[in-house]
Amino acid sequence: MTLVIDASVALSWCFEDERRSETDALGERIIMEGAHVPNLFHLELANIFLHAERRGRLSAADAAPKLDRIRMMPIVVDADTARNAWGDTQLLARAERLTLYDAAYLELALRLRADLATLDSDLAAAARRRGVVTLPG
């Protein structure tokens, strides 16, 4: 089954206090099978790391290898995220009371008929209402 992952799952691989065995297993699955992300994924991760650096949670030197590990994973960046932003994604955000960023992950999962891996409870609930399987389960 095709898998869409959001930033919350990727971050769980990078910060020890956020690690979970379920998301580690998803990481192994992605290494074997690949995953998909909307084109905002890398910017979202970089922004979170920048904020963590500014708060003293990690250094730039600590962030680089973590981001490199994610960069090396077989993750396909969706080319149509921007095209759908003012249409289906915005409609989903309104209907499900999500940010447009979170709605982009849901829109992609719906379009690809994929499972959605997220630790975001609001996004997971919206996905389940739309018939999308969410992980970790």
N, C-alpha and C. Protein backbone atom coordinates (compact mmCIF):
# COMPACT_ATOMS: atom_id res chain seq x y z
N MET A 1 0.84 -1.18 0.00
CA MET A 1 0.00 0.00 0.00
C MET A 1 0.88 1.24 0.00
N THR A 2 0.52 2.22 -0.78
CA THR A 2 1.23 3.49 -0.83
C THR A 2 1.11 4.21 0.51
N LEU A 3 2.15 4.93 0.88
CA LEU A 3 2.19 5.60 2.17
C LEU A 3 2.56 7.06 2.00
N VAL A 4 1.79 7.94 2.65
CA VAL A 4 2.13 9.36 2.77
C VAL A 4 2.55 9.58 4.21
N ILE A 5 3.66 10.27 4.42
CA ILE A 5 4.10 10.57 5.78
C ILE A 5 4.10 12.09 6.00
N ASP A 6 3.82 12.49 7.22
CA ASP A 6 3.91 13.91 7.53
C ASP A 6 5.15 14.19 8.37
N ALA A 7 5.41 15.44 8.62
CA ALA A 7 6.62 15.85 9.33
C ALA A 7 6.69 15.30 10.74
N SER A 8 5.55 15.12 11.40
CA SER A 8 5.57 14.62 12.78
C SER A 8 6.21 13.25 12.87
N VAL A 9 5.98 12.42 11.88
CA VAL A 9 6.57 11.08 11.87
C VAL A 9 8.08 11.19 11.64
N ALA A 10 8.48 11.99 10.68
CA ALA A 10 9.90 12.16 10.40
C ALA A 10 10.64 12.74 11.61
N LEU A 11 10.01 13.64 12.31
CA LEU A 11 10.65 14.25 13.48
C LEU A 11 10.85 13.23 14.60
N SER A 12 9.97 12.26 14.66
CA SER A 12 10.12 11.25 15.72
C SER A 12 11.39 10.43 15.52
N TRP A 13 11.93 10.41 14.31
CA TRP A 13 13.19 9.71 14.06
C TRP A 13 14.39 10.56 14.48
N CYS A 14 14.17 11.84 14.69
CA CYS A 14 15.27 12.79 14.86
C CYS A 14 15.49 13.26 16.29
N PHE A 15 14.46 13.20 17.11
CA PHE A 15 14.56 13.68 18.48
C PHE A 15 14.30 12.51 19.43
N GLU A 16 15.28 12.22 20.25
CA GLU A 16 15.19 11.06 21.15
C GLU A 16 13.93 11.08 22.00
N ASP A 17 13.53 12.25 22.49
CA ASP A 17 12.35 12.32 23.36
C ASP A 17 11.04 12.14 22.60
N GLU A 18 11.10 12.04 21.29
CA GLU A 18 9.90 11.82 20.48
C GLU A 18 9.89 10.45 19.81
N ARG A 19 10.93 9.66 20.03
CA ARG A 19 11.04 8.34 19.39
C ARG A 19 9.95 7.41 19.87
N ARG A 20 9.45 6.62 18.95
CA ARG A 20 8.44 5.60 19.25
C ARG A 20 8.77 4.38 18.41
N SER A 21 8.53 3.22 18.97
CA SER A 21 8.80 2.00 18.22
C SER A 21 7.95 1.92 16.95
N GLU A 22 6.72 2.43 17.03
CA GLU A 22 5.83 2.39 15.85
C GLU A 22 6.37 3.24 14.70
N THR A 23 6.92 4.42 15.03
CA THR A 23 7.44 5.26 13.96
C THR A 23 8.79 4.75 13.46
N ASP A 24 9.55 4.11 14.34
CA ASP A 24 10.78 3.46 13.88
C ASP A 24 10.44 2.37 12.86
N ALA A 25 9.38 1.61 13.14
CA ALA A 25 8.94 0.57 12.20
C ALA A 25 8.49 1.19 10.88
N LEU A 26 7.82 2.33 10.94
CA LEU A 26 7.43 3.02 9.70
C LEU A 26 8.66 3.45 8.92
N GLY A 27 9.69 3.90 9.63
CA GLY A 27 10.94 4.26 8.97
C GLY A 27 11.54 3.09 8.21
N GLU A 28 11.51 1.92 8.84
CA GLU A 28 12.01 0.71 8.17
C GLU A 28 11.17 0.39 6.95
N ARG A 29 9.86 0.55 7.06
CA ARG A 29 8.97 0.29 5.93
C ARG A 29 9.29 1.25 4.78
N ILE A 30 9.54 2.49 5.11
CA ILE A 30 9.83 3.48 4.07
C ILE A 30 11.14 3.17 3.38
N ILE A 31 12.13 2.72 4.13
CA ILE A 31 13.40 2.35 3.52
C ILE A 31 13.19 1.23 2.51
N MET A 32 12.29 0.30 2.82
CA MET A 32 12.03 -0.84 1.93
C MET A 32 11.07 -0.50 0.78
N GLU A 33 10.03 0.30 1.09
CA GLU A 33 8.94 0.49 0.12
C GLU A 33 8.80 1.91 -0.41
N GLY A 34 9.40 2.88 0.26
CA GLY A 34 9.25 4.28 -0.14
C GLY A 34 8.01 4.92 0.45
N ALA A 35 7.89 6.22 0.25
CA ALA A 35 6.75 6.98 0.74
C ALA A 35 6.61 8.24 -0.12
N HIS A 36 5.52 8.95 0.11
CA HIS A 36 5.23 10.18 -0.63
C HIS A 36 5.00 11.31 0.37
N VAL A 37 5.34 12.52 -0.07
CA VAL A 37 5.11 13.72 0.74
C VAL A 37 4.69 14.86 -0.18
N PRO A 38 3.91 15.82 0.35
CA PRO A 38 3.65 17.03 -0.43
C PRO A 38 4.93 17.86 -0.51
N ASN A 39 4.97 18.80 -1.45
CA ASN A 39 6.22 19.52 -1.67
C ASN A 39 6.57 20.50 -0.56
N LEU A 40 5.78 20.63 0.46
CA LEU A 40 6.12 21.48 1.60
C LEU A 40 6.90 20.73 2.68
N PHE A 41 7.01 19.42 2.58
CA PHE A 41 7.60 18.57 3.60
C PHE A 41 9.00 19.02 4.02
N HIS A 42 9.89 19.22 3.06
CA HIS A 42 11.28 19.56 3.39
C HIS A 42 11.37 20.94 4.03
N LEU A 43 10.57 21.88 3.57
CA LEU A 43 10.55 23.20 4.20
C LEU A 43 10.03 23.11 5.63
N GLU A 44 9.01 22.31 5.82
CA GLU A 44 8.45 22.15 7.16
C GLU A 44 9.49 21.55 8.11
N LEU A 45 10.18 20.51 7.68
CA LEU A 45 11.22 19.90 8.51
C LEU A 45 12.35 20.89 8.80
N ALA A 46 12.81 21.57 7.77
CA ALA A 46 13.90 22.53 7.97
C ALA A 46 13.49 23.63 8.94
N ASN A 47 12.25 24.08 8.85
CA ASN A 47 11.77 25.12 9.76
C ASN A 47 11.72 24.63 11.20
N ILE A 48 11.27 23.41 11.40
CA ILE A 48 11.22 22.84 12.75
C ILE A 48 12.62 22.71 13.33
N PHE A 49 13.56 22.26 12.51
CA PHE A 49 14.94 22.14 12.97
C PHE A 49 15.54 23.51 13.28
N LEU A 50 15.21 24.50 12.48
CA LEU A 50 15.71 25.86 12.73
C LEU A 50 15.19 26.38 14.08
N HIS A 51 13.90 26.16 14.34
CA HIS A 51 13.33 26.57 15.63
C HIS A 51 13.97 25.81 16.79
N ALA A 52 14.21 24.53 16.60
CA ALA A 52 14.85 23.72 17.64
C ALA A 52 16.27 24.23 17.91
N GLU A 53 16.94 24.62 16.85
CA GLU A 53 18.29 25.16 16.99
C GLU A 53 18.24 26.49 17.76
N ARG A 54 17.30 27.35 17.41
CA ARG A 54 17.19 28.65 18.08
C ARG A 54 16.84 28.50 19.56
N ARG A 55 16.10 27.45 19.90
CA ARG A 55 15.73 27.21 21.31
C ARG A 55 16.80 26.44 22.06
N GLY A 56 17.87 26.08 21.37
CA GLY A 56 18.95 25.37 22.03
C GLY A 56 18.70 23.87 22.19
N ARG A 57 17.72 23.35 21.48
CA ARG A 57 17.40 21.92 21.57
C ARG A 57 18.44 21.08 20.84
N LEU A 58 19.06 21.63 19.79
CA LEU A 58 20.13 20.97 19.07
C LEU A 58 20.93 22.02 18.32
N SER A 59 22.10 21.63 17.87
CA SER A 59 22.95 22.54 17.11
C SER A 59 22.77 22.27 15.62
N ALA A 60 23.25 23.22 14.81
CA ALA A 60 23.20 23.02 13.36
C ALA A 60 23.99 21.77 12.97
N ALA A 61 25.10 21.54 13.67
CA ALA A 61 25.91 20.34 13.39
C ALA A 61 25.14 19.07 13.73
N ASP A 62 24.32 19.11 14.77
CA ASP A 62 23.50 17.94 15.14
C ASP A 62 22.38 17.72 14.13
N ALA A 63 21.83 18.80 13.59
CA ALA A 63 20.69 18.71 12.67
C ALA A 63 21.09 18.11 11.33
N ALA A 64 22.24 18.48 10.83
CA ALA A 64 22.64 18.08 9.47
C ALA A 64 22.58 16.58 9.22
N PRO A 65 23.18 15.73 10.08
CA PRO A 65 23.11 14.29 9.79
C PRO A 65 21.70 13.71 9.90
N LYS A 66 20.89 14.30 10.76
CA LYS A 66 19.50 13.83 10.90
C LYS A 66 18.73 14.12 9.61
N LEU A 67 18.89 15.32 9.10
CA LEU A 67 18.23 15.68 7.85
C LEU A 67 18.79 14.88 6.67
N ASP A 68 20.08 14.62 6.71
CA ASP A 68 20.69 13.80 5.64
C ASP A 68 20.10 12.40 5.61
N ARG A 69 19.85 11.81 6.80
CA ARG A 69 19.25 10.47 6.84
C ARG A 69 17.88 10.47 6.18
N ILE A 70 17.10 11.50 6.46
CA ILE A 70 15.77 11.59 5.84
C ILE A 70 15.91 11.83 4.34
N ARG A 71 16.85 12.67 3.95
CA ARG A 71 17.08 12.97 2.54
C ARG A 71 17.44 11.71 1.76
N MET A 72 18.11 10.77 2.39
CA MET A 72 18.54 9.54 1.72
C MET A 72 17.42 8.51 1.59
N MET A 73 16.31 8.71 2.28
CA MET A 73 15.21 7.75 2.21
C MET A 73 14.49 7.89 0.87
N PRO A 74 13.90 6.81 0.38
CA PRO A 74 13.18 6.87 -0.91
C PRO A 74 11.80 7.52 -0.75
N ILE A 75 11.84 8.84 -0.60
CA ILE A 75 10.63 9.63 -0.40
C ILE A 75 10.38 10.44 -1.66
N VAL A 76 9.21 10.26 -2.25
CA VAL A 76 8.83 10.94 -3.48
C VAL A 76 8.10 12.23 -3.12
N VAL A 77 8.59 13.34 -3.66
CA VAL A 77 7.96 14.64 -3.44
C VAL A 77 6.90 14.85 -4.52
N ASP A 78 5.69 15.12 -4.09
CA ASP A 78 4.57 15.29 -5.02
C ASP A 78 4.72 16.57 -5.84
N ALA A 79 4.54 16.45 -7.12
CA ALA A 79 4.66 17.60 -8.02
C ALA A 79 3.38 18.42 -8.13
N ASP A 80 2.26 17.89 -7.65
CA ASP A 80 0.98 18.56 -7.85
C ASP A 80 0.43 19.25 -6.60
N THR A 81 1.19 19.30 -5.53
CA THR A 81 0.71 19.94 -4.29
C THR A 81 0.28 21.38 -4.55
N ALA A 82 1.13 22.15 -5.21
CA ALA A 82 0.82 23.56 -5.45
C ALA A 82 -0.41 23.72 -6.34
N ARG A 83 -0.53 22.86 -7.33
CA ARG A 83 -1.67 22.94 -8.24
C ARG A 83 -3.01 22.74 -7.51
N ASN A 84 -2.98 21.94 -6.45
CA ASN A 84 -4.21 21.64 -5.70
C ASN A 84 -4.43 22.55 -4.49
N ALA A 85 -3.47 23.42 -4.20
CA ALA A 85 -3.52 24.23 -2.98
C ALA A 85 -4.79 25.08 -2.89
N TRP A 86 -5.16 25.72 -3.96
CA TRP A 86 -6.31 26.63 -3.91
C TRP A 86 -7.61 25.94 -4.27
N GLY A 87 -7.55 24.64 -4.50
CA GLY A 87 -8.74 23.87 -4.83
C GLY A 87 -9.04 22.85 -3.76
N ASP A 88 -8.73 21.58 -4.06
CA ASP A 88 -9.06 20.48 -3.15
C ASP A 88 -8.45 20.64 -1.76
N THR A 89 -7.22 21.12 -1.70
CA THR A 89 -6.56 21.24 -0.40
C THR A 89 -7.25 22.29 0.45
N GLN A 90 -7.55 23.42 -0.14
CA GLN A 90 -8.23 24.48 0.61
C GLN A 90 -9.63 24.03 1.05
N LEU A 91 -10.33 23.31 0.19
CA LEU A 91 -11.65 22.79 0.55
C LEU A 91 -11.55 21.82 1.74
N LEU A 92 -10.55 20.94 1.71
CA LEU A 92 -10.35 20.01 2.82
C LEU A 92 -10.02 20.76 4.11
N ALA A 93 -9.16 21.76 4.02
CA ALA A 93 -8.79 22.54 5.20
C ALA A 93 -10.02 23.19 5.82
N ARG A 94 -10.86 23.76 4.99
CA ARG A 94 -12.09 24.39 5.50
C ARG A 94 -13.03 23.36 6.13
N ALA A 95 -13.29 22.30 5.39
CA ALA A 95 -14.26 21.30 5.84
C ALA A 95 -13.80 20.58 7.10
N GLU A 96 -12.51 20.31 7.21
CA GLU A 96 -11.99 19.52 8.34
C GLU A 96 -11.33 20.38 9.41
N ARG A 97 -11.36 21.70 9.22
CA ARG A 97 -10.77 22.64 10.19
C ARG A 97 -9.29 22.33 10.44
N LEU A 98 -8.56 22.13 9.34
CA LEU A 98 -7.12 21.87 9.37
C LEU A 98 -6.36 23.08 8.85
N THR A 99 -5.08 23.15 9.17
CA THR A 99 -4.25 24.12 8.47
C THR A 99 -4.12 23.65 7.03
N LEU A 100 -3.77 24.55 6.15
CA LEU A 100 -3.54 24.15 4.77
C LEU A 100 -2.37 23.18 4.68
N TYR A 101 -1.39 23.35 5.56
CA TYR A 101 -0.25 22.44 5.56
C TYR A 101 -0.70 21.01 5.86
N ASP A 102 -1.49 20.84 6.91
CA ASP A 102 -1.98 19.50 7.24
C ASP A 102 -2.92 18.98 6.16
N ALA A 103 -3.75 19.85 5.63
CA ALA A 103 -4.67 19.44 4.56
C ALA A 103 -3.91 18.96 3.33
N ALA A 104 -2.71 19.49 3.08
CA ALA A 104 -1.91 19.05 1.93
C ALA A 104 -1.54 17.57 2.07
N TYR A 105 -1.22 17.13 3.29
CA TYR A 105 -0.92 15.71 3.50
C TYR A 105 -2.17 14.86 3.26
N LEU A 106 -3.30 15.32 3.76
CA LEU A 106 -4.55 14.58 3.59
C LEU A 106 -4.96 14.54 2.12
N GLU A 107 -4.85 15.66 1.44
CA GLU A 107 -5.21 15.70 0.02
C GLU A 107 -4.36 14.72 -0.78
N LEU A 108 -3.07 14.67 -0.47
CA LEU A 108 -2.18 13.75 -1.17
C LEU A 108 -2.56 12.30 -0.89
N ALA A 109 -2.84 11.98 0.37
CA ALA A 109 -3.25 10.61 0.71
C ALA A 109 -4.53 10.23 0.00
N LEU A 110 -5.48 11.14 -0.06
CA LEU A 110 -6.74 10.86 -0.76
C LEU A 110 -6.49 10.66 -2.26
N ARG A 111 -5.70 11.54 -2.85
CA ARG A 111 -5.45 11.47 -4.29
C ARG A 111 -4.71 10.20 -4.66
N LEU A 112 -3.76 9.77 -3.83
CA LEU A 112 -2.99 8.56 -4.12
C LEU A 112 -3.65 7.29 -3.60
N ARG A 113 -4.78 7.46 -2.89
CA ARG A 113 -5.43 6.33 -2.22
C ARG A 113 -4.42 5.61 -1.32
N ALA A 114 -3.75 6.42 -0.52
CA ALA A 114 -2.64 5.94 0.31
C ALA A 114 -3.02 5.97 1.79
N ASP A 115 -2.28 5.20 2.58
CA ASP A 115 -2.34 5.32 4.03
C ASP A 115 -1.62 6.61 4.41
N LEU A 116 -1.95 7.15 5.57
CA LEU A 116 -1.32 8.38 6.05
C LEU A 116 -0.67 8.12 7.39
N ALA A 117 0.63 8.36 7.47
CA ALA A 117 1.37 8.21 8.72
C ALA A 117 1.51 9.59 9.35
N THR A 118 0.93 9.76 10.53
CA THR A 118 0.99 11.03 11.24
C THR A 118 0.86 10.80 12.74
N LEU A 119 1.45 11.69 13.51
CA LEU A 119 1.27 11.69 14.96
C LEU A 119 0.35 12.84 15.36
N ASP A 120 -0.12 13.60 14.39
CA ASP A 120 -1.00 14.74 14.63
C ASP A 120 -2.43 14.23 14.79
N SER A 121 -2.98 14.39 15.97
CA SER A 121 -4.31 13.82 16.26
C SER A 121 -5.42 14.45 15.44
N ASP A 122 -5.36 15.76 15.18
CA ASP A 122 -6.39 16.40 14.37
C ASP A 122 -6.34 15.92 12.92
N LEU A 123 -5.14 15.82 12.38
CA LEU A 123 -4.98 15.33 11.01
C LEU A 123 -5.43 13.87 10.91
N ALA A 124 -5.05 13.06 11.89
CA ALA A 124 -5.44 11.64 11.87
C ALA A 124 -6.96 11.50 11.94
N ALA A 125 -7.60 12.29 12.78
CA ALA A 125 -9.06 12.22 12.90
C ALA A 125 -9.73 12.63 11.59
N ALA A 126 -9.24 13.70 10.97
CA ALA A 126 -9.80 14.14 9.69
C ALA A 126 -9.61 13.07 8.62
N ALA A 127 -8.44 12.46 8.60
CA ALA A 127 -8.16 11.40 7.62
C ALA A 127 -9.12 10.23 7.81
N ARG A 128 -9.31 9.82 9.05
CA ARG A 128 -10.23 8.70 9.29
C ARG A 128 -11.66 9.05 8.87
N ARG A 129 -12.07 10.30 9.10
CA ARG A 129 -13.42 10.70 8.65
C ARG A 129 -13.54 10.60 7.14
N ARG A 130 -12.43 10.76 6.44
CA ARG A 130 -12.42 10.71 4.97
C ARG A 130 -12.13 9.30 4.45
N GLY A 131 -12.03 8.34 5.35
CA GLY A 131 -11.81 6.96 4.93
C GLY A 131 -10.37 6.59 4.68
N VAL A 132 -9.43 7.40 5.14
CA VAL A 132 -8.01 7.13 4.97
C VAL A 132 -7.49 6.35 6.18
N VAL A 133 -6.78 5.29 5.93
CA VAL A 133 -6.15 4.53 7.01
C VAL A 133 -5.00 5.35 7.57
N THR A 134 -4.94 5.46 8.90
CA THR A 134 -3.86 6.22 9.52
C THR A 134 -2.94 5.30 10.30
N LEU A 135 -1.67 5.67 10.30
CA LEU A 135 -0.64 4.93 11.00
C LEU A 135 0.15 5.93 11.84
N PRO A 136 0.77 5.59 12.93
CA PRO A 136 0.65 4.27 13.52
C PRO A 136 -0.77 4.07 14.06
N GLY A 137 -1.21 2.84 14.03
CA GLY A 137 -2.58 2.50 14.38
C GLY A 137 -2.76 2.34 15.82
